[in-house]
Amino acid sequence: MRYFIYAYIFTLIVVVSVAGYRGQKSVRRPLEFFPDMDRQMKIKFQVPDKFFENGLAARTPVGGTLAKGTFSTNTYFMTGAMGTVFGDGLPVPVTVASITRGQDRYNINCAVCHGKAGDGNGVVGNYGLAGIANLTDPAYRTMSDGHLFHTITHGKGNMGPYGSNITPEDRWNIVAYIRALQKLQASQEKPQASTTPAAAPAGNATR
């Protein structure tokens, strides 16, 4: 018991010698066991930095960059909507190259469910996933371009969002390619002209 008291008193003296009394002030830098990130290796405003040759910590922005807040995401190109209404029309040039690009992005991201023809007969359907949209149905042919873009961006039903996976321009290129698939399907549904000669109308019988 006596040795415990001696050890306790010795420990107390060491702690008081190192940490000091509560409220005690000193001009010496205190010992920090938990600095809580008070001092960090970072660049501060209006402070020189020896890391750079010219000694300036603040660097000139890279050419072509935009300051935060100067690029609006609330545009038709970014949302597919005009106010509270989905718009129609493609805000990107529709060319052979853009449709080909849309086909490439569609085959990578969409065909696994919707099928390469857009008819909803993708590989995933073979594994029991129901409710896959047939993009060539009249309901999707009449859907506005902005609505299709919004669906690709945010998803719908069992379909997840692709806004973080596909750039806005490529989403519009996919919409252009879907329109091409729909027009192809519509052209195949038109009744073919009959090649059988029509029967001549019956005339008055003569005696």
C-alpha atoms as a PDB file:
ATOM      1  CA  MET A   1       0.000   0.000   0.000  1.00  0.00           C
ATOM      2  CA  ARG A   2       2.888   2.317   0.849  1.00  0.00           C
ATOM      3  CA  TYR A   3       4.454   1.809  -2.593  1.00  0.00           C
ATOM      4  CA  PHE A   4       1.128   2.564  -4.266  1.00  0.00           C
ATOM      5  CA  ILE A   5       0.915   5.894  -2.418  1.00  0.00           C
ATOM      6  CA  TYR A   6       4.496   6.750  -3.434  1.00  0.00           C
ATOM      7  CA  ALA A   7       3.727   5.864  -7.074  1.00  0.00           C
ATOM      8  CA  TYR A   8       0.517   7.903  -7.000  1.00  0.00           C
ATOM      9  CA  ILE A   9       2.273  10.975  -5.584  1.00  0.00           C
ATOM     10  CA  PHE A  10       5.093  10.647  -8.135  1.00  0.00           C
ATOM     11  CA  THR A  11       2.642  10.359 -11.028  1.00  0.00           C
ATOM     12  CA  LEU A  12       0.701  13.383  -9.756  1.00  0.00           C
ATOM     13  CA  ILE A  13       3.893  15.455  -9.557  1.00  0.00           C
ATOM     14  CA  VAL A  14       4.857  14.468 -13.112  1.00  0.00           C
ATOM     15  CA  VAL A  15       1.424  15.340 -14.484  1.00  0.00           C
ATOM     16  CA  VAL A  16       1.347  18.728 -12.730  1.00  0.00           C
ATOM     17  CA  SER A  17       4.884  19.477 -13.885  1.00  0.00           C
ATOM     18  CA  VAL A  18       4.073  18.723 -17.501  1.00  0.00           C
ATOM     19  CA  ALA A  19       0.471  19.923 -17.825  1.00  0.00           C
ATOM     20  CA  GLY A  20       0.427  22.646 -15.167  1.00  0.00           C
ATOM     21  CA  TYR A  21      -2.551  23.754 -13.115  1.00  0.00           C
ATOM     22  CA  ARG A  22      -5.954  24.430 -14.628  1.00  0.00           C
ATOM     23  CA  GLY A  23      -6.095  28.064 -15.765  1.00  0.00           C
ATOM     24  CA  GLN A  24      -2.355  28.522 -15.491  1.00  0.00           C
ATOM     25  CA  LYS A  25      -0.858  30.682 -18.254  1.00  0.00           C
ATOM     26  CA  SER A  26       2.561  30.325 -19.815  1.00  0.00           C
ATOM     27  CA  VAL A  27       4.480  31.954 -22.649  1.00  0.00           C
ATOM     28  CA  ARG A  28       5.904  28.593 -23.635  1.00  0.00           C
ATOM     29  CA  ARG A  29       4.245  26.528 -26.359  1.00  0.00           C
ATOM     30  CA  PRO A  30       2.073  23.868 -24.746  1.00  0.00           C
ATOM     31  CA  LEU A  31       2.408  20.186 -25.436  1.00  0.00           C
ATOM     32  CA  GLU A  32      -0.310  19.064 -27.830  1.00  0.00           C
ATOM     33  CA  PHE A  33      -1.334  15.452 -27.734  1.00  0.00           C
ATOM     34  CA  PHE A  34      -4.507  16.067 -29.787  1.00  0.00           C
ATOM     35  CA  PRO A  35      -3.959  19.118 -32.046  1.00  0.00           C
ATOM     36  CA  ASP A  36      -7.435  18.720 -33.629  1.00  0.00           C
ATOM     37  CA  MET A  37      -6.025  19.886 -36.985  1.00  0.00           C
ATOM     38  CA  ASP A  38      -5.316  23.381 -35.604  1.00  0.00           C
ATOM     39  CA  ARG A  39      -2.184  23.501 -37.742  1.00  0.00           C
ATOM     40  CA  GLN A  40      -2.392  22.050 -41.221  1.00  0.00           C
ATOM     41  CA  MET A  41      -0.116  21.856 -44.224  1.00  0.00           C
ATOM     42  CA  LYS A  42      -2.236  24.085 -46.392  1.00  0.00           C
ATOM     43  CA  ILE A  43      -2.026  27.293 -48.374  1.00  0.00           C
ATOM     44  CA  LYS A  44      -3.551  30.326 -46.685  1.00  0.00           C
ATOM     45  CA  PHE A  45      -4.788  33.488 -48.315  1.00  0.00           C
ATOM     46  CA  GLN A  46      -2.333  36.370 -48.778  1.00  0.00           C
ATOM     47  CA  VAL A  47       0.570  34.238 -47.545  1.00  0.00           C
ATOM     48  CA  PRO A  48       3.694  33.527 -49.615  1.00  0.00           C
ATOM     49  CA  ASP A  49       4.634  29.959 -50.369  1.00  0.00           C
ATOM     50  CA  LYS A  50       8.155  28.769 -51.123  1.00  0.00           C
ATOM     51  CA  PHE A  51       6.870  25.747 -53.011  1.00  0.00           C
ATOM     52  CA  PHE A  52       6.240  27.832 -56.144  1.00  0.00           C
ATOM     53  CA  GLU A  53       8.995  29.593 -58.031  1.00  0.00           C
ATOM     54  CA  ASN A  54       7.372  33.024 -57.880  1.00  0.00           C
ATOM     55  CA  GLY A  55       6.552  32.601 -54.167  1.00  0.00           C
ATOM     56  CA  LEU A  56       2.819  33.201 -54.661  1.00  0.00           C
ATOM     57  CA  ALA A  57       0.489  30.806 -52.909  1.00  0.00           C
ATOM     58  CA  ALA A  58      -2.581  31.948 -54.879  1.00  0.00           C
ATOM     59  CA  ARG A  59      -2.355  30.465 -58.372  1.00  0.00           C
ATOM     60  CA  THR A  60      -3.853  31.676 -61.634  1.00  0.00           C
ATOM     61  CA  PRO A  61      -6.823  29.460 -62.618  1.00  0.00           C
ATOM     62  CA  VAL A  62      -6.232  26.953 -65.395  1.00  0.00           C
ATOM     63  CA  GLY A  63      -7.325  28.253 -68.765  1.00  0.00           C
ATOM     64  CA  GLY A  64     -10.935  27.469 -69.629  1.00  0.00           C
ATOM     65  CA  THR A  65     -12.076  26.950 -66.031  1.00  0.00           C
ATOM     66  CA  LEU A  66     -15.198  28.631 -64.683  1.00  0.00           C
ATOM     67  CA  ALA A  67     -15.670  30.017 -61.213  1.00  0.00           C
ATOM     68  CA  LYS A  68     -18.119  28.150 -59.023  1.00  0.00           C
ATOM     69  CA  GLY A  69     -21.647  29.392 -59.596  1.00  0.00           C
ATOM     70  CA  THR A  70     -21.023  30.843 -63.055  1.00  0.00           C
ATOM     71  CA  PHE A  71     -22.293  27.736 -64.874  1.00  0.00           C
ATOM     72  CA  SER A  72     -26.024  27.288 -64.499  1.00  0.00           C
ATOM     73  CA  THR A  73     -27.386  23.761 -64.272  1.00  0.00           C
ATOM     74  CA  ASN A  74     -30.955  25.011 -64.571  1.00  0.00           C
ATOM     75  CA  THR A  75     -31.011  25.096 -68.372  1.00  0.00           C
ATOM     76  CA  TYR A  76     -32.847  23.041 -70.965  1.00  0.00           C
ATOM     77  CA  PHE A  77     -29.577  21.404 -71.995  1.00  0.00           C
ATOM     78  CA  MET A  78     -28.992  20.220 -68.422  1.00  0.00           C
ATOM     79  CA  THR A  79     -32.567  19.384 -67.346  1.00  0.00           C
ATOM     80  CA  GLY A  80     -34.706  18.796 -70.437  1.00  0.00           C
ATOM     81  CA  ALA A  81     -37.270  21.192 -68.979  1.00  0.00           C
ATOM     82  CA  MET A  82     -38.378  24.729 -69.691  1.00  0.00           C
ATOM     83  CA  GLY A  83     -39.562  25.959 -66.347  1.00  0.00           C
ATOM     84  CA  THR A  84     -42.014  23.345 -65.100  1.00  0.00           C
ATOM     85  CA  VAL A  85     -42.714  21.824 -68.534  1.00  0.00           C
ATOM     86  CA  PHE A  86     -40.611  19.298 -70.426  1.00  0.00           C
ATOM     87  CA  GLY A  87     -39.408  20.772 -73.677  1.00  0.00           C
ATOM     88  CA  ASP A  88     -39.212  19.294 -77.146  1.00  0.00           C
ATOM     89  CA  GLY A  89     -36.313  19.464 -79.534  1.00  0.00           C
ATOM     90  CA  LEU A  90     -32.661  18.499 -79.255  1.00  0.00           C
ATOM     91  CA  PRO A  91     -30.226  21.201 -78.049  1.00  0.00           C
ATOM     92  CA  VAL A  92     -27.327  19.432 -79.790  1.00  0.00           C
ATOM     93  CA  PRO A  93     -26.618  19.104 -83.518  1.00  0.00           C
ATOM     94  CA  VAL A  94     -28.159  15.932 -84.952  1.00  0.00           C
ATOM     95  CA  THR A  95     -25.600  14.480 -87.321  1.00  0.00           C
ATOM     96  CA  VAL A  96     -24.497  11.041 -88.413  1.00  0.00           C
ATOM     97  CA  ALA A  97     -21.635  11.308 -85.928  1.00  0.00           C
ATOM     98  CA  SER A  98     -23.899  12.287 -83.012  1.00  0.00           C
ATOM     99  CA  ILE A  99     -26.406   9.512 -83.729  1.00  0.00           C
ATOM    100  CA  THR A 100     -23.550   7.016 -84.029  1.00  0.00           C
ATOM    101  CA  ARG A 101     -22.255   8.257 -80.691  1.00  0.00           C
ATOM    102  CA  GLY A 102     -25.748   7.906 -79.234  1.00  0.00           C
ATOM    103  CA  GLN A 103     -25.944   4.344 -80.548  1.00  0.00           C
ATOM    104  CA  ASP A 104     -22.625   3.533 -78.897  1.00  0.00           C
ATOM    105  CA  ARG A 105     -23.713   4.980 -75.519  1.00  0.00           C
ATOM    106  CA  TYR A 106     -27.126   3.325 -75.845  1.00  0.00           C
ATOM    107  CA  ASN A 107     -25.624  -0.104 -76.495  1.00  0.00           C
ATOM    108  CA  ILE A 108     -23.354   0.282 -73.468  1.00  0.00           C
ATOM    109  CA  ASN A 109     -25.878   1.617 -70.951  1.00  0.00           C
ATOM    110  CA  CYS A 110     -29.395   0.895 -72.228  1.00  0.00           C
ATOM    111  CA  ALA A 111     -29.474  -2.136 -74.536  1.00  0.00           C
ATOM    112  CA  VAL A 112     -28.976  -4.597 -71.686  1.00  0.00           C
ATOM    113  CA  CYS A 113     -32.557  -3.854 -70.602  1.00  0.00           C
ATOM    114  CA  HIS A 114     -34.304  -2.174 -73.532  1.00  0.00           C
ATOM    115  CA  GLY A 115     -32.693  -4.298 -76.232  1.00  0.00           C
ATOM    116  CA  LYS A 116     -30.633  -3.105 -79.177  1.00  0.00           C
ATOM    117  CA  ALA A 117     -33.819  -2.451 -81.137  1.00  0.00           C
ATOM    118  CA  GLY A 118     -35.402  -0.551 -78.231  1.00  0.00           C
ATOM    119  CA  ASP A 119     -38.229  -3.083 -78.015  1.00  0.00           C
ATOM    120  CA  GLY A 120     -37.630  -4.003 -74.346  1.00  0.00           C
ATOM    121  CA  ASN A 121     -36.183  -7.435 -75.182  1.00  0.00           C
ATOM    122  CA  GLY A 122     -32.789  -6.976 -73.567  1.00  0.00           C
ATOM    123  CA  VAL A 123     -30.736  -9.591 -71.775  1.00  0.00           C
ATOM    124  CA  VAL A 124     -32.015  -8.546 -68.344  1.00  0.00           C
ATOM    125  CA  GLY A 125     -35.566  -9.494 -69.314  1.00  0.00           C
ATOM    126  CA  ASN A 126     -34.467 -13.118 -69.595  1.00  0.00           C
ATOM    127  CA  TYR A 127     -33.768 -13.121 -65.860  1.00  0.00           C
ATOM    128  CA  GLY A 128     -37.267 -12.192 -64.750  1.00  0.00           C
ATOM    129  CA  LEU A 129     -37.130  -8.395 -64.536  1.00  0.00           C
ATOM    130  CA  ALA A 130     -40.579  -7.155 -65.508  1.00  0.00           C
ATOM    131  CA  GLY A 131     -41.773  -3.737 -66.598  1.00  0.00           C
ATOM    132  CA  ILE A 132     -38.986  -2.937 -69.059  1.00  0.00           C
ATOM    133  CA  ALA A 133     -40.189  -0.190 -71.370  1.00  0.00           C
ATOM    134  CA  ASN A 134     -40.583  -0.810 -75.084  1.00  0.00           C
ATOM    135  CA  LEU A 135     -39.214   2.473 -76.388  1.00  0.00           C
ATOM    136  CA  THR A 136     -40.844   1.948 -79.779  1.00  0.00           C
ATOM    137  CA  ASP A 137     -44.376   1.976 -78.332  1.00  0.00           C
ATOM    138  CA  PRO A 138     -46.581   4.950 -79.289  1.00  0.00           C
ATOM    139  CA  ALA A 139     -46.449   6.236 -75.685  1.00  0.00           C
ATOM    140  CA  TYR A 140     -42.710   6.802 -75.995  1.00  0.00           C
ATOM    141  CA  ARG A 141     -42.891   8.045 -79.566  1.00  0.00           C
ATOM    142  CA  THR A 142     -45.107  10.901 -78.402  1.00  0.00           C
ATOM    143  CA  MET A 143     -43.082  11.557 -75.241  1.00  0.00           C
ATOM    144  CA  SER A 144     -41.189  14.843 -75.493  1.00  0.00           C
ATOM    145  CA  ASP A 145     -37.435  14.854 -75.983  1.00  0.00           C
ATOM    146  CA  GLY A 146     -36.974  16.632 -72.674  1.00  0.00           C
ATOM    147  CA  HIS A 147     -38.987  13.980 -70.860  1.00  0.00           C
ATOM    148  CA  LEU A 148     -36.818  11.216 -72.315  1.00  0.00           C
ATOM    149  CA  PHE A 149     -33.699  13.128 -71.301  1.00  0.00           C
ATOM    150  CA  HIS A 150     -35.083  13.612 -67.773  1.00  0.00           C
ATOM    151  CA  THR A 151     -35.840   9.883 -67.486  1.00  0.00           C
ATOM    152  CA  ILE A 152     -32.316   8.958 -68.536  1.00  0.00           C
ATOM    153  CA  THR A 153     -30.924  11.452 -66.034  1.00  0.00           C
ATOM    154  CA  HIS A 154     -33.048  10.598 -62.989  1.00  0.00           C
ATOM    155  CA  GLY A 155     -34.391   7.127 -63.761  1.00  0.00           C
ATOM    156  CA  LYS A 156     -37.948   5.862 -63.432  1.00  0.00           C
ATOM    157  CA  GLY A 157     -39.447   2.799 -61.754  1.00  0.00           C
ATOM    158  CA  ASN A 158     -36.897  -0.026 -61.763  1.00  0.00           C
ATOM    159  CA  MET A 159     -34.551   2.015 -63.920  1.00  0.00           C
ATOM    160  CA  GLY A 160     -31.815   3.776 -61.996  1.00  0.00           C
ATOM    161  CA  PRO A 161     -30.453   7.266 -62.790  1.00  0.00           C
ATOM    162  CA  TYR A 162     -27.669   7.646 -65.326  1.00  0.00           C
ATOM    163  CA  GLY A 163     -27.002  11.342 -64.817  1.00  0.00           C
ATOM    164  CA  SER A 164     -23.711  10.642 -63.075  1.00  0.00           C
ATOM    165  CA  ASN A 165     -22.609   8.032 -65.622  1.00  0.00           C
ATOM    166  CA  ILE A 166     -23.415   9.702 -68.941  1.00  0.00           C
ATOM    167  CA  THR A 167     -22.561  13.277 -69.897  1.00  0.00           C
ATOM    168  CA  PRO A 168     -25.465  15.621 -70.777  1.00  0.00           C
ATOM    169  CA  GLU A 169     -24.410  15.742 -74.439  1.00  0.00           C
ATOM    170  CA  ASP A 170     -24.321  11.949 -74.664  1.00  0.00           C
ATOM    171  CA  ARG A 171     -27.752  11.733 -73.019  1.00  0.00           C
ATOM    172  CA  TRP A 172     -29.103  13.942 -75.786  1.00  0.00           C
ATOM    173  CA  ASN A 173     -27.286  11.807 -78.353  1.00  0.00           C
ATOM    174  CA  ILE A 174     -29.045   8.762 -76.881  1.00  0.00           C
ATOM    175  CA  VAL A 175     -32.389  10.551 -77.223  1.00  0.00           C
ATOM    176  CA  ALA A 176     -31.551  11.217 -80.891  1.00  0.00           C
ATOM    177  CA  TYR A 177     -30.730   7.554 -81.401  1.00  0.00           C
ATOM    178  CA  ILE A 178     -33.965   6.456 -79.693  1.00  0.00           C
ATOM    179  CA  ARG A 179     -35.863   8.696 -82.102  1.00  0.00           C
ATOM    180  CA  ALA A 180     -34.060   6.973 -84.982  1.00  0.00           C
ATOM    181  CA  LEU A 181     -35.100   3.552 -83.625  1.00  0.00           C
ATOM    182  CA  GLN A 182     -38.688   4.733 -83.309  1.00  0.00           C
ATOM    183  CA  LYS A 183     -38.782   6.035 -86.875  1.00  0.00           C
ATOM    184  CA  LEU A 184     -37.334   2.769 -88.132  1.00  0.00           C
ATOM    185  CA  GLN A 185     -40.005   0.800 -86.268  1.00  0.00           C
ATOM    186  CA  ALA A 186     -42.747   3.104 -87.556  1.00  0.00           C
ATOM    187  CA  SER A 187     -41.581   2.643 -91.141  1.00  0.00           C
ATOM    188  CA  GLN A 188     -41.730  -1.136 -90.747  1.00  0.00           C
ATOM    189  CA  GLU A 189     -45.294  -0.964 -89.431  1.00  0.00           C
ATOM    190  CA  LYS A 190     -46.651   0.859 -92.520  1.00  0.00           C
ATOM    191  CA  PRO A 191     -48.814  -1.462 -94.622  1.00  0.00           C
ATOM    192  CA  GLN A 192     -47.084  -2.531 -97.810  1.00  0.00           C
ATOM    193  CA  ALA A 193     -48.760  -1.693-101.112  1.00  0.00           C
ATOM    194  CA  SER A 194     -50.483  -4.753-102.557  1.00  0.00           C
ATOM    195  CA  THR A 195     -48.978  -6.138-105.763  1.00  0.00           C
ATOM    196  CA  THR A 196     -52.147  -8.078-106.645  1.00  0.00           C
ATOM    197  CA  PRO A 197     -54.193  -6.279-109.339  1.00  0.00           C
ATOM    198  CA  ALA A 198     -57.543  -5.055-108.058  1.00  0.00           C
ATOM    199  CA  ALA A 199     -60.581  -6.833-109.487  1.00  0.00           C
ATOM    200  CA  ALA A 200     -62.391  -4.859-112.188  1.00  0.00           C
ATOM    201  CA  PRO A 201     -65.851  -3.611-111.181  1.00  0.00           C
ATOM    202  CA  ALA A 202     -68.651  -5.751-112.499  1.00  0.00           C
ATOM    203  CA  GLY A 203     -70.464  -4.121-115.445  1.00  0.00           C
ATOM    204  CA  ASN A 204     -74.079  -4.540-116.539  1.00  0.00           C
ATOM    205  CA  ALA A 205     -74.694  -7.981-117.927  1.00  0.00           C
ATOM    206  CA  THR A 206     -75.728  -8.023-121.595  1.00  0.00           C
ATOM    207  CA  ARG A 207     -78.058 -10.459-123.189  1.00  0.00           C
END
